[in-house]
Amino acid sequence: MNTTANLTAFDRATDPVFQILSREQAIRIVDFHADEELQARIEDLARKANEGELTDDERSEYAGYAQANKFIAVLQAKARRVLACQADS
């Protein structure tokens, strides 16, 4: 798979959505963090994963959190770019 083409296509498809965001909304995305309860659950699952103690259900749950984390990281990176472009304008 051509990673550059994939990222270019992803950006082309998602950039218009980010142009809808206000500066305040972009800042809220950048500043987003899991609440303490969720963070504790993820840390517990990570510990169990490192020790090889996850049940099948926990493994699926942990994979879901990992997928969500990647998605949120992408959103935050794109929101940072929007803010940087707004600052340059």
PDB file of N, CA and C in Angstrom:
ATOM      1  N   MET A   1       0.836  -1.171   0.000  1.00  0.00           N
ATOM      2  CA  MET A   1       0.000   0.000   0.000  1.00  0.00           C
ATOM      3  C   MET A   1       0.886   1.241   0.000  1.00  0.00           C
ATOM      4  N   ASN A   2       0.529   2.233  -0.781  1.00  0.00           N
ATOM      5  CA  ASN A   2       1.243   3.494  -0.853  1.00  0.00           C
ATOM      6  C   ASN A   2       0.749   4.395   0.274  1.00  0.00           C
ATOM      7  N   THR A   3       1.561   4.527   1.311  1.00  0.00           N
ATOM      8  CA  THR A   3       1.166   5.287   2.499  1.00  0.00           C
ATOM      9  C   THR A   3       0.939   6.756   2.189  1.00  0.00           C
ATOM     10  N   THR A   4       1.786   7.336   1.343  1.00  0.00           N
ATOM     11  CA  THR A   4       1.640   8.751   0.995  1.00  0.00           C
ATOM     12  C   THR A   4       0.312   8.999   0.300  1.00  0.00           C
ATOM     13  N   ALA A   5      -0.036   8.152  -0.638  1.00  0.00           N
ATOM     14  CA  ALA A   5      -1.310   8.309  -1.344  1.00  0.00           C
ATOM     15  C   ALA A   5      -2.477   8.124  -0.382  1.00  0.00           C
ATOM     16  N   ASN A   6      -2.338   7.183   0.534  1.00  0.00           N
ATOM     17  CA  ASN A   6      -3.389   6.941   1.517  1.00  0.00           C
ATOM     18  C   ASN A   6      -3.593   8.167   2.399  1.00  0.00           C
ATOM     19  N   LEU A   7      -2.507   8.760   2.895  1.00  0.00           N
ATOM     20  CA  LEU A   7      -2.606   9.945   3.754  1.00  0.00           C
ATOM     21  C   LEU A   7      -3.149  11.142   2.987  1.00  0.00           C
ATOM     22  N   THR A   8      -2.724  11.294   1.745  1.00  0.00           N
ATOM     23  CA  THR A   8      -3.226  12.390   0.922  1.00  0.00           C
ATOM     24  C   THR A   8      -4.727  12.246   0.710  1.00  0.00           C
ATOM     25  N   ALA A   9      -5.176  11.054   0.417  1.00  0.00           N
ATOM     26  CA  ALA A   9      -6.608  10.806   0.232  1.00  0.00           C
ATOM     27  C   ALA A   9      -7.364  11.048   1.532  1.00  0.00           C
ATOM     28  N   PHE A  10      -6.805  10.597   2.635  1.00  0.00           N
ATOM     29  CA  PHE A  10      -7.448  10.804   3.930  1.00  0.00           C
ATOM     30  C   PHE A  10      -7.590  12.300   4.211  1.00  0.00           C
ATOM     31  N   ASP A  11      -6.511  13.038   4.007  1.00  0.00           N
ATOM     32  CA  ASP A  11      -6.554  14.487   4.237  1.00  0.00           C
ATOM     33  C   ASP A  11      -7.552  15.164   3.313  1.00  0.00           C
ATOM     34  N   ARG A  12      -7.546  14.791   2.067  1.00  0.00           N
ATOM     35  CA  ARG A  12      -8.470  15.400   1.102  1.00  0.00           C
ATOM     36  C   ARG A  12      -9.927  15.147   1.502  1.00  0.00           C
ATOM     37  N   ALA A  13     -10.192  13.972   2.020  1.00  0.00           N
ATOM     38  CA  ALA A  13     -11.562  13.625   2.396  1.00  0.00           C
ATOM     39  C   ALA A  13     -11.983  14.262   3.716  1.00  0.00           C
ATOM     40  N   THR A  14     -11.027  14.488   4.606  1.00  0.00           N
ATOM     41  CA  THR A  14     -11.396  14.988   5.931  1.00  0.00           C
ATOM     42  C   THR A  14     -11.153  16.478   6.134  1.00  0.00           C
ATOM     43  N   ASP A  15     -10.303  17.096   5.352  1.00  0.00           N
ATOM     44  CA  ASP A  15     -10.031  18.524   5.528  1.00  0.00           C
ATOM     45  C   ASP A  15     -11.282  19.388   5.493  1.00  0.00           C
ATOM     46  N   PRO A  16     -12.233  19.137   4.593  1.00  0.00           N
ATOM     47  CA  PRO A  16     -13.442  19.979   4.592  1.00  0.00           C
ATOM     48  C   PRO A  16     -14.214  19.930   5.908  1.00  0.00           C
ATOM     49  N   VAL A  17     -14.195  18.795   6.570  1.00  0.00           N
ATOM     50  CA  VAL A  17     -14.878  18.680   7.863  1.00  0.00           C
ATOM     51  C   VAL A  17     -14.204  19.599   8.878  1.00  0.00           C
ATOM     52  N   PHE A  18     -12.898  19.635   8.862  1.00  0.00           N
ATOM     53  CA  PHE A  18     -12.170  20.446   9.828  1.00  0.00           C
ATOM     54  C   PHE A  18     -12.288  21.943   9.541  1.00  0.00           C
ATOM     55  N   GLN A  19     -12.616  22.289   8.322  1.00  0.00           N
ATOM     56  CA  GLN A  19     -12.827  23.702   8.010  1.00  0.00           C
ATOM     57  C   GLN A  19     -14.136  24.216   8.616  1.00  0.00           C
ATOM     58  N   ILE A  20     -15.018  23.311   8.994  1.00  0.00           N
ATOM     59  CA  ILE A  20     -16.295  23.673   9.621  1.00  0.00           C
ATOM     60  C   ILE A  20     -16.084  24.081  11.080  1.00  0.00           C
ATOM     61  N   LEU A  21     -15.033  23.555  11.692  1.00  0.00           N
ATOM     62  CA  LEU A  21     -14.807  23.784  13.115  1.00  0.00           C
ATOM     63  C   LEU A  21     -14.450  25.236  13.406  1.00  0.00           C
ATOM     64  N   SER A  22     -14.989  25.719  14.500  1.00  0.00           N
ATOM     65  CA  SER A  22     -14.554  27.023  14.995  1.00  0.00           C
ATOM     66  C   SER A  22     -13.214  26.830  15.708  1.00  0.00           C
ATOM     67  N   ARG A  23     -12.540  27.926  15.982  1.00  0.00           N
ATOM     68  CA  ARG A  23     -11.284  27.871  16.718  1.00  0.00           C
ATOM     69  C   ARG A  23     -11.507  27.197  18.081  1.00  0.00           C
ATOM     70  N   GLU A  24     -12.595  27.546  18.752  1.00  0.00           N
ATOM     71  CA  GLU A  24     -12.888  26.978  20.071  1.00  0.00           C
ATOM     72  C   GLU A  24     -13.113  25.467  19.993  1.00  0.00           C
ATOM     73  N   GLN A  25     -13.790  25.017  18.958  1.00  0.00           N
ATOM     74  CA  GLN A  25     -14.025  23.580  18.798  1.00  0.00           C
ATOM     75  C   GLN A  25     -12.722  22.843  18.534  1.00  0.00           C
ATOM     76  N   ALA A  26     -11.856  23.420  17.704  1.00  0.00           N
ATOM     77  CA  ALA A  26     -10.560  22.803  17.425  1.00  0.00           C
ATOM     78  C   ALA A  26      -9.733  22.713  18.705  1.00  0.00           C
ATOM     79  N   ILE A  27      -9.769  23.756  19.514  1.00  0.00           N
ATOM     80  CA  ILE A  27      -9.037  23.746  20.784  1.00  0.00           C
ATOM     81  C   ILE A  27      -9.586  22.655  21.703  1.00  0.00           C
ATOM     82  N   ARG A  28     -10.892  22.498  21.745  1.00  0.00           N
ATOM     83  CA  ARG A  28     -11.487  21.455  22.592  1.00  0.00           C
ATOM     84  C   ARG A  28     -11.051  20.059  22.146  1.00  0.00           C
ATOM     85  N   ILE A  29     -10.930  19.860  20.837  1.00  0.00           N
ATOM     86  CA  ILE A  29     -10.462  18.564  20.336  1.00  0.00           C
ATOM     87  C   ILE A  29      -9.007  18.345  20.749  1.00  0.00           C
ATOM     88  N   VAL A  30      -8.169  19.362  20.568  1.00  0.00           N
ATOM     89  CA  VAL A  30      -6.757  19.252  20.937  1.00  0.00           C
ATOM     90  C   VAL A  30      -6.605  18.944  22.424  1.00  0.00           C
ATOM     91  N   ASP A  31      -7.423  19.559  23.251  1.00  0.00           N
ATOM     92  CA  ASP A  31      -7.313  19.414  24.702  1.00  0.00           C
ATOM     93  C   ASP A  31      -8.026  18.182  25.263  1.00  0.00           C
ATOM     94  N   PHE A  32      -8.714  17.422  24.422  1.00  0.00           N
ATOM     95  CA  PHE A  32      -9.495  16.287  24.898  1.00  0.00           C
ATOM     96  C   PHE A  32      -8.599  15.214  25.514  1.00  0.00           C
ATOM     97  N   HIS A  33      -9.038  14.716  26.671  1.00  0.00           N
ATOM     98  CA  HIS A  33      -8.390  13.575  27.339  1.00  0.00           C
ATOM     99  C   HIS A  33      -9.471  12.700  27.946  1.00  0.00           C
ATOM    100  N   ALA A  34      -9.176  11.425  28.060  1.00  0.00           N
ATOM    101  CA  ALA A  34     -10.109  10.497  28.705  1.00  0.00           C
ATOM    102  C   ALA A  34     -10.305  10.895  30.162  1.00  0.00           C
ATOM    103  N   ASP A  35     -11.496  10.628  30.680  1.00  0.00           N
ATOM    104  CA  ASP A  35     -11.727  10.904  32.099  1.00  0.00           C
ATOM    105  C   ASP A  35     -10.934   9.905  32.943  1.00  0.00           C
ATOM    106  N   GLU A  36     -10.831  10.187  34.228  1.00  0.00           N
ATOM    107  CA  GLU A  36      -9.995   9.363  35.113  1.00  0.00           C
ATOM    108  C   GLU A  36     -10.439   7.904  35.159  1.00  0.00           C
ATOM    109  N   GLU A  37     -11.734   7.669  35.174  1.00  0.00           N
ATOM    110  CA  GLU A  37     -12.242   6.296  35.232  1.00  0.00           C
ATOM    111  C   GLU A  37     -11.857   5.510  33.982  1.00  0.00           C
ATOM    112  N   LEU A  38     -12.022   6.138  32.820  1.00  0.00           N
ATOM    113  CA  LEU A  38     -11.659   5.464  31.569  1.00  0.00           C
ATOM    114  C   LEU A  38     -10.158   5.243  31.507  1.00  0.00           C
ATOM    115  N   GLN A  39      -9.386   6.242  31.879  1.00  0.00           N
ATOM    116  CA  GLN A  39      -7.933   6.106  31.855  1.00  0.00           C
ATOM    117  C   GLN A  39      -7.475   4.973  32.768  1.00  0.00           C
ATOM    118  N   ALA A  40      -8.092   4.864  33.937  1.00  0.00           N
ATOM    119  CA  ALA A  40      -7.743   3.774  34.863  1.00  0.00           C
ATOM    120  C   ALA A  40      -8.076   2.411  34.251  1.00  0.00           C
ATOM    121  N   ARG A  41      -9.206   2.326  33.552  1.00  0.00           N
ATOM    122  CA  ARG A  41      -9.594   1.055  32.922  1.00  0.00           C
ATOM    123  C   ARG A  41      -8.592   0.670  31.833  1.00  0.00           C
ATOM    124  N   ILE A  42      -8.208   1.641  31.028  1.00  0.00           N
ATOM    125  CA  ILE A  42      -7.245   1.369  29.949  1.00  0.00           C
ATOM    126  C   ILE A  42      -5.908   0.933  30.543  1.00  0.00           C
ATOM    127  N   GLU A  43      -5.480   1.588  31.601  1.00  0.00           N
ATOM    128  CA  GLU A  43      -4.214   1.221  32.244  1.00  0.00           C
ATOM    129  C   GLU A  43      -4.283  -0.186  32.834  1.00  0.00           C
ATOM    130  N   ASP A  44      -5.441  -0.544  33.402  1.00  0.00           N
ATOM    131  CA  ASP A  44      -5.626  -1.888  33.940  1.00  0.00           C
ATOM    132  C   ASP A  44      -5.544  -2.931  32.824  1.00  0.00           C
ATOM    133  N   LEU A  45      -6.211  -2.642  31.709  1.00  0.00           N
ATOM    134  CA  LEU A  45      -6.157  -3.575  30.573  1.00  0.00           C
ATOM    135  C   LEU A  45      -4.747  -3.663  30.005  1.00  0.00           C
ATOM    136  N   ALA A  46      -4.037  -2.551  29.960  1.00  0.00           N
ATOM    137  CA  ALA A  46      -2.655  -2.553  29.458  1.00  0.00           C
ATOM    138  C   ALA A  46      -1.767  -3.423  30.345  1.00  0.00           C
ATOM    139  N   ARG A  47      -1.937  -3.279  31.651  1.00  0.00           N
ATOM    140  CA  ARG A  47      -1.155  -4.096  32.582  1.00  0.00           C
ATOM    141  C   ARG A  47      -1.445  -5.573  32.357  1.00  0.00           C
ATOM    142  N   LYS A  48      -2.739  -5.907  32.263  1.00  0.00           N
ATOM    143  CA  LYS A  48      -3.114  -7.310  32.049  1.00  0.00           C
ATOM    144  C   LYS A  48      -2.584  -7.818  30.711  1.00  0.00           C
ATOM    145  N   ALA A  49      -2.598  -6.953  29.689  1.00  0.00           N
ATOM    146  CA  ALA A  49      -2.077  -7.355  28.375  1.00  0.00           C
ATOM    147  C   ALA A  49      -0.587  -7.657  28.462  1.00  0.00           C
ATOM    148  N   ASN A  50       0.150  -6.811  29.163  1.00  0.00           N
ATOM    149  CA  ASN A  50       1.596  -7.015  29.315  1.00  0.00           C
ATOM    150  C   ASN A  50       1.913  -8.286  30.092  1.00  0.00           C
ATOM    151  N   GLU A  51       0.995  -8.667  30.961  1.00  0.00           N
ATOM    152  CA  GLU A  51       1.199  -9.881  31.767  1.00  0.00           C
ATOM    153  C   GLU A  51       0.553 -11.110  31.136  1.00  0.00           C
ATOM    154  N   GLY A  52      -0.067 -10.936  29.970  1.00  0.00           N
ATOM    155  CA  GLY A  52      -0.695 -12.058  29.287  1.00  0.00           C
ATOM    156  C   GLY A  52      -1.939 -12.575  29.979  1.00  0.00           C
ATOM    157  N   GLU A  53      -2.660 -11.695  30.682  1.00  0.00           N
ATOM    158  CA  GLU A  53      -3.798 -12.117  31.488  1.00  0.00           C
ATOM    159  C   GLU A  53      -5.150 -11.636  30.964  1.00  0.00           C
ATOM    160  N   LEU A  54      -5.227 -11.118  29.755  1.00  0.00           N
ATOM    161  CA  LEU A  54      -6.505 -10.628  29.227  1.00  0.00           C
ATOM    162  C   LEU A  54      -7.424 -11.777  28.843  1.00  0.00           C
ATOM    163  N   THR A  55      -8.688 -11.639  29.199  1.00  0.00           N
ATOM    164  CA  THR A  55      -9.688 -12.568  28.673  1.00  0.00           C
ATOM    165  C   THR A  55      -9.984 -12.158  27.229  1.00  0.00           C
ATOM    166  N   ASP A  56     -10.725 -12.974  26.507  1.00  0.00           N
ATOM    167  CA  ASP A  56     -11.086 -12.626  25.132  1.00  0.00           C
ATOM    168  C   ASP A  56     -11.897 -11.332  25.089  1.00  0.00           C
ATOM    169  N   ASP A  57     -12.831 -11.176  26.018  1.00  0.00           N
ATOM    170  CA  ASP A  57     -13.639  -9.960  26.063  1.00  0.00           C
ATOM    171  C   ASP A  57     -12.775  -8.736  26.375  1.00  0.00           C
ATOM    172  N   GLU A  58     -11.851  -8.879  27.291  1.00  0.00           N
ATOM    173  CA  GLU A  58     -10.958  -7.764  27.632  1.00  0.00           C
ATOM    174  C   GLU A  58     -10.046  -7.418  26.463  1.00  0.00           C
ATOM    175  N   ARG A  59      -9.595  -8.427  25.742  1.00  0.00           N
ATOM    176  CA  ARG A  59      -8.742  -8.184  24.574  1.00  0.00           C
ATOM    177  C   ARG A  59      -9.508  -7.373  23.529  1.00  0.00           C
ATOM    178  N   SER A  60     -10.763  -7.720  23.319  1.00  0.00           N
ATOM    179  CA  SER A  60     -11.599  -6.975  22.373  1.00  0.00           C
ATOM    180  C   SER A  60     -11.826  -5.553  22.864  1.00  0.00           C
ATOM    181  N   GLU A  61     -12.098  -5.414  24.156  1.00  0.00           N
ATOM    182  CA  GLU A  61     -12.302  -4.083  24.736  1.00  0.00           C
ATOM    183  C   GLU A  61     -11.029  -3.238  24.577  1.00  0.00           C
ATOM    184  N   TYR A  62      -9.889  -3.823  24.901  1.00  0.00           N
ATOM    185  CA  TYR A  62      -8.606  -3.120  24.806  1.00  0.00           C
ATOM    186  C   TYR A  62      -8.327  -2.712  23.359  1.00  0.00           C
ATOM    187  N   ALA A  63      -8.627  -3.593  22.418  1.00  0.00           N
ATOM    188  CA  ALA A  63      -8.438  -3.270  21.000  1.00  0.00           C
ATOM    189  C   ALA A  63      -9.339  -2.105  20.597  1.00  0.00           C
ATOM    190  N   GLY A  64     -10.552  -2.070  21.117  1.00  0.00           N
ATOM    191  CA  GLY A  64     -11.453  -0.961  20.835  1.00  0.00           C
ATOM    192  C   GLY A  64     -10.911   0.352  21.355  1.00  0.00           C
ATOM    193  N   TYR A  65     -10.347   0.337  22.567  1.00  0.00           N
ATOM    194  CA  TYR A  65      -9.749   1.552  23.116  1.00  0.00           C
ATOM    195  C   TYR A  65      -8.538   1.981  22.297  1.00  0.00           C
ATOM    196  N   ALA A  66      -7.744   1.014  21.849  1.00  0.00           N
ATOM    197  CA  ALA A  66      -6.579   1.336  21.029  1.00  0.00           C
ATOM    198  C   ALA A  66      -7.012   1.975  19.712  1.00  0.00           C
ATOM    199  N   GLN A  67      -8.059   1.430  19.115  1.00  0.00           N
ATOM    200  CA  GLN A  67      -8.572   1.985  17.858  1.00  0.00           C
ATOM    201  C   GLN A  67      -9.102   3.402  18.091  1.00  0.00           C
ATOM    202  N   ALA A  68      -9.839   3.600  19.165  1.00  0.00           N
ATOM    203  CA  ALA A  68     -10.369   4.933  19.488  1.00  0.00           C
ATOM    204  C   ALA A  68      -9.222   5.907  19.739  1.00  0.00           C
ATOM    205  N   ASN A  69      -8.179   5.453  20.421  1.00  0.00           N
ATOM    206  CA  ASN A  69      -7.038   6.313  20.711  1.00  0.00           C
ATOM    207  C   ASN A  69      -6.360   6.779  19.423  1.00  0.00           C
ATOM    208  N   LYS A  70      -6.200   5.876  18.469  1.00  0.00           N
ATOM    209  CA  LYS A  70      -5.606   6.254  17.182  1.00  0.00           C
ATOM    210  C   LYS A  70      -6.478   7.280  16.469  1.00  0.00           C
ATOM    211  N   PHE A  71      -7.783   7.061  16.487  1.00  0.00           N
ATOM    212  CA  PHE A  71      -8.722   7.978  15.846  1.00  0.00           C
ATOM    213  C   PHE A  71      -8.642   9.361  16.493  1.00  0.00           C
ATOM    214  N   ILE A  72      -8.648   9.398  17.811  1.00  0.00           N
ATOM    215  CA  ILE A  72      -8.573  10.671  18.523  1.00  0.00           C
ATOM    216  C   ILE A  72      -7.241  11.365  18.254  1.00  0.00           C
ATOM    217  N   ALA A  73      -6.165  10.610  18.190  1.00  0.00           N
ATOM    218  CA  ALA A  73      -4.854  11.193  17.887  1.00  0.00           C
ATOM    219  C   ALA A  73      -4.851  11.846  16.519  1.00  0.00           C
ATOM    220  N   VAL A  74      -5.487  11.211  15.547  1.00  0.00           N
ATOM    221  CA  VAL A  74      -5.586  11.793  14.205  1.00  0.00           C
ATOM    222  C   VAL A  74      -6.418  13.071  14.248  1.00  0.00           C
ATOM    223  N   LEU A  75      -7.552  13.020  14.943  1.00  0.00           N
ATOM    224  CA  LEU A  75      -8.386  14.220  15.078  1.00  0.00           C
ATOM    225  C   LEU A  75      -7.599  15.355  15.719  1.00  0.00           C
ATOM    226  N   GLN A  76      -6.855  15.050  16.757  1.00  0.00           N
ATOM    227  CA  GLN A  76      -6.092  16.083  17.440  1.00  0.00           C
ATOM    228  C   GLN A  76      -4.990  16.649  16.553  1.00  0.00           C
ATOM    229  N   ALA A  77      -4.323  15.801  15.803  1.00  0.00           N
ATOM    230  CA  ALA A  77      -3.273  16.283  14.896  1.00  0.00           C
ATOM    231  C   ALA A  77      -3.861  17.208  13.833  1.00  0.00           C
ATOM    232  N   LYS A  78      -4.997  16.812  13.283  1.00  0.00           N
ATOM    233  CA  LYS A  78      -5.635  17.645  12.263  1.00  0.00           C
ATOM    234  C   LYS A  78      -6.143  18.955  12.871  1.00  0.00           C
ATOM    235  N   ALA A  79      -6.663  18.905  14.078  1.00  0.00           N
ATOM    236  CA  ALA A  79      -7.129  20.127  14.748  1.00  0.00           C
ATOM    237  C   ALA A  79      -5.955  21.063  15.016  1.00  0.00           C
ATOM    238  N   ARG A  80      -4.804  20.513  15.374  1.00  0.00           N
ATOM    239  CA  ARG A  80      -3.611  21.346  15.579  1.00  0.00           C
ATOM    240  C   ARG A  80      -3.202  22.039  14.278  1.00  0.00           C
ATOM    241  N   ARG A  81      -3.299  21.311  13.175  1.00  0.00           N
ATOM    242  CA  ARG A  81      -2.965  21.917  11.876  1.00  0.00           C
ATOM    243  C   ARG A  81      -3.926  23.047  11.538  1.00  0.00           C
ATOM    244  N   VAL A  82      -5.214  22.844  11.808  1.00  0.00           N
ATOM    245  CA  VAL A  82      -6.199  23.888  11.561  1.00  0.00           C
ATOM    246  C   VAL A  82      -5.860  25.128  12.379  1.00  0.00           C
ATOM    247  N   LEU A  83      -5.540  24.922  13.656  1.00  0.00           N
ATOM    248  CA  LEU A  83      -5.187  26.052  14.527  1.00  0.00           C
ATOM    249  C   LEU A  83      -3.927  26.752  14.049  1.00  0.00           C
ATOM    250  N   ALA A  84      -2.950  25.989  13.605  1.00  0.00           N
ATOM    251  CA  ALA A  84      -1.717  26.581  13.100  1.00  0.00           C
ATOM    252  C   ALA A  84      -1.966  27.413  11.846  1.00  0.00           C
ATOM    253  N   CYS A  85      -2.817  26.892  10.962  1.00  0.00           N
ATOM    254  CA  CYS A  85      -3.166  27.634   9.738  1.00  0.00           C
ATOM    255  C   CYS A  85      -3.935  28.905  10.079  1.00  0.00           C
ATOM    256  N   GLN A  86      -4.811  28.839  11.069  1.00  0.00           N
ATOM    257  CA  GLN A  86      -5.568  30.023  11.483  1.00  0.00           C
ATOM    258  C   GLN A  86      -4.628  31.061  12.077  1.00  0.00           C
ATOM    259  N   ALA A  87      -3.619  30.617  12.789  1.00  0.00           N
ATOM    260  CA  ALA A  87      -2.651  31.540  13.397  1.00  0.00           C
ATOM    261  C   ALA A  87      -1.798  32.222  12.338  1.00  0.00           C
ATOM    262  N   ASP A  88      -1.524  31.486  11.239  1.00  0.00           N
ATOM    263  CA  ASP A  88      -0.714  32.047  10.160  1.00  0.00           C
ATOM    264  C   ASP A  88      -1.499  33.038   9.310  1.00  0.00           C
ATOM    265  N   SER A  89      -2.809  32.970   9.390  1.00  0.00           N
ATOM    266  CA  SER A  89      -3.645  33.847   8.550  1.00  0.00           C
ATOM    267  C   SER A  89      -3.743  35.236   9.092  1.00  0.00           C
TER     268      SER A  89
END
